[in-house]
Amino acid sequence: MEKLMEILREIDDTIDFEKETALIDGRILDSFGMITLVSELEDAFDIQIGASEMVPENFNSVQAMWEMVTRLKETG
């Protein structure tokens, strides 16, 4: 989880990722941030994030992202 937090802070250190639960729905994380995030997550955790995973529910919060990463690592 710490690696995920590092990645998020590198993308935008002005967002309180630990408390935010509407990163996508609230348009807090922009499309460029999302592209960067997906690329960084794939590299850092050796996973592939397919189009079916690109839904707000998987990216609205740190917890949701971590659950997705964990699930993809287990099935990958």
C-alpha atoms as a PDB file:
ATOM      1  CA  MET A   1       0.000   0.000   0.000  1.00  0.00           C
ATOM      2  CA  GLU A   2       2.899   2.379   0.695  1.00  0.00           C
ATOM      3  CA  LYS A   3       4.138   2.038  -2.889  1.00  0.00           C
ATOM      4  CA  LEU A   4       0.641   2.975  -4.099  1.00  0.00           C
ATOM      5  CA  MET A   5       0.661   6.060  -1.883  1.00  0.00           C
ATOM      6  CA  GLU A   6       4.096   7.058  -3.231  1.00  0.00           C
ATOM      7  CA  ILE A   7       2.830   6.786  -6.803  1.00  0.00           C
ATOM      8  CA  LEU A   8      -0.252   8.865  -6.021  1.00  0.00           C
ATOM      9  CA  ARG A   9       1.776  11.564  -4.261  1.00  0.00           C
ATOM     10  CA  GLU A  10       4.121  11.779  -7.253  1.00  0.00           C
ATOM     11  CA  ILE A  11       1.146  12.317  -9.564  1.00  0.00           C
ATOM     12  CA  ASP A  12      -0.431  15.055  -7.413  1.00  0.00           C
ATOM     13  CA  ASP A  13       0.758  15.865  -3.899  1.00  0.00           C
ATOM     14  CA  THR A  14      -2.058  18.374  -3.308  1.00  0.00           C
ATOM     15  CA  ILE A  15      -4.742  15.675  -3.044  1.00  0.00           C
ATOM     16  CA  ASP A  16      -5.482  14.028   0.303  1.00  0.00           C
ATOM     17  CA  PHE A  17      -5.575  10.515  -1.111  1.00  0.00           C
ATOM     18  CA  GLU A  18      -6.023   8.907   2.296  1.00  0.00           C
ATOM     19  CA  LYS A  19      -9.393  10.605   2.821  1.00  0.00           C
ATOM     20  CA  GLU A  20     -10.715  11.118  -0.700  1.00  0.00           C
ATOM     21  CA  THR A  21     -13.369   8.681  -1.925  1.00  0.00           C
ATOM     22  CA  ALA A  22     -14.448  10.361  -5.177  1.00  0.00           C
ATOM     23  CA  LEU A  23     -11.216  10.822  -7.105  1.00  0.00           C
ATOM     24  CA  ILE A  24     -12.906  10.066 -10.422  1.00  0.00           C
ATOM     25  CA  ASP A  25     -16.555  10.880  -9.724  1.00  0.00           C
ATOM     26  CA  GLY A  26     -15.520  14.207  -8.216  1.00  0.00           C
ATOM     27  CA  ARG A  27     -13.146  14.913 -11.114  1.00  0.00           C
ATOM     28  CA  ILE A  28     -10.274  15.351  -8.678  1.00  0.00           C
ATOM     29  CA  LEU A  29      -7.946  13.165 -10.713  1.00  0.00           C
ATOM     30  CA  ASP A  30      -7.849  14.297 -14.341  1.00  0.00           C
ATOM     31  CA  SER A  31      -7.434  12.151 -17.451  1.00  0.00           C
ATOM     32  CA  PHE A  32      -3.690  12.779 -17.664  1.00  0.00           C
ATOM     33  CA  GLY A  33      -3.359  11.740 -14.018  1.00  0.00           C
ATOM     34  CA  MET A  34      -5.318   8.577 -14.753  1.00  0.00           C
ATOM     35  CA  ILE A  35      -3.118   7.635 -17.708  1.00  0.00           C
ATOM     36  CA  THR A  36      -0.020   8.210 -15.607  1.00  0.00           C
ATOM     37  CA  LEU A  37      -1.505   6.300 -12.688  1.00  0.00           C
ATOM     38  CA  VAL A  38      -2.421   3.243 -14.753  1.00  0.00           C
ATOM     39  CA  SER A  39       1.038   3.122 -16.305  1.00  0.00           C
ATOM     40  CA  GLU A  40       2.762   3.512 -12.935  1.00  0.00           C
ATOM     41  CA  LEU A  41       0.573   0.841 -11.296  1.00  0.00           C
ATOM     42  CA  GLU A  42       1.252  -1.615 -14.100  1.00  0.00           C
ATOM     43  CA  ASP A  43       5.003  -1.064 -13.838  1.00  0.00           C
ATOM     44  CA  ALA A  44       5.238  -1.007 -10.049  1.00  0.00           C
ATOM     45  CA  PHE A  45       3.064  -4.047  -9.389  1.00  0.00           C
ATOM     46  CA  ASP A  46       3.723  -6.035 -12.598  1.00  0.00           C
ATOM     47  CA  ILE A  47       0.052  -6.162 -13.530  1.00  0.00           C
ATOM     48  CA  GLN A  48      -2.064  -5.434 -16.595  1.00  0.00           C
ATOM     49  CA  ILE A  49      -5.044  -3.145 -16.091  1.00  0.00           C
ATOM     50  CA  GLY A  50      -7.477  -3.989 -18.857  1.00  0.00           C
ATOM     51  CA  ALA A  51     -10.249  -1.803 -20.236  1.00  0.00           C
ATOM     52  CA  SER A  52     -12.812  -3.658 -18.114  1.00  0.00           C
ATOM     53  CA  GLU A  53     -10.981  -2.467 -14.978  1.00  0.00           C
ATOM     54  CA  MET A  54     -11.092   1.205 -16.061  1.00  0.00           C
ATOM     55  CA  VAL A  55     -14.209   2.068 -14.097  1.00  0.00           C
ATOM     56  CA  PRO A  56     -14.619   4.759 -11.435  1.00  0.00           C
ATOM     57  CA  GLU A  57     -15.293   2.143  -8.760  1.00  0.00           C
ATOM     58  CA  ASN A  58     -11.695   0.923  -9.094  1.00  0.00           C
ATOM     59  CA  PHE A  59     -10.114   4.389  -8.928  1.00  0.00           C
ATOM     60  CA  ASN A  60     -12.301   6.555  -6.665  1.00  0.00           C
ATOM     61  CA  SER A  61     -10.229   5.819  -3.553  1.00  0.00           C
ATOM     62  CA  VAL A  62      -6.886   4.438  -2.458  1.00  0.00           C
ATOM     63  CA  GLN A  63      -8.652   1.449  -0.924  1.00  0.00           C
ATOM     64  CA  ALA A  64     -10.445   0.672  -4.199  1.00  0.00           C
ATOM     65  CA  MET A  65      -7.182   0.930  -6.135  1.00  0.00           C
ATOM     66  CA  TRP A  66      -5.397  -1.311  -3.653  1.00  0.00           C
ATOM     67  CA  GLU A  67      -8.169  -3.917  -3.870  1.00  0.00           C
ATOM     68  CA  MET A  68      -7.925  -3.875  -7.673  1.00  0.00           C
ATOM     69  CA  VAL A  69      -4.123  -4.184  -7.613  1.00  0.00           C
ATOM     70  CA  THR A  70      -4.296  -7.047  -5.114  1.00  0.00           C
ATOM     71  CA  ARG A  71      -6.939  -8.860  -7.167  1.00  0.00           C
ATOM     72  CA  LEU A  72      -4.981  -8.429 -10.410  1.00  0.00           C
ATOM     73  CA  LYS A  73      -1.765  -9.657  -8.788  1.00  0.00           C
ATOM     74  CA  GLU A  74      -3.552 -12.784  -7.559  1.00  0.00           C
ATOM     75  CA  THR A  75      -5.142 -13.590 -10.921  1.00  0.00           C
ATOM     76  CA  GLY A  76      -2.258 -12.409 -13.087  1.00  0.00           C
END
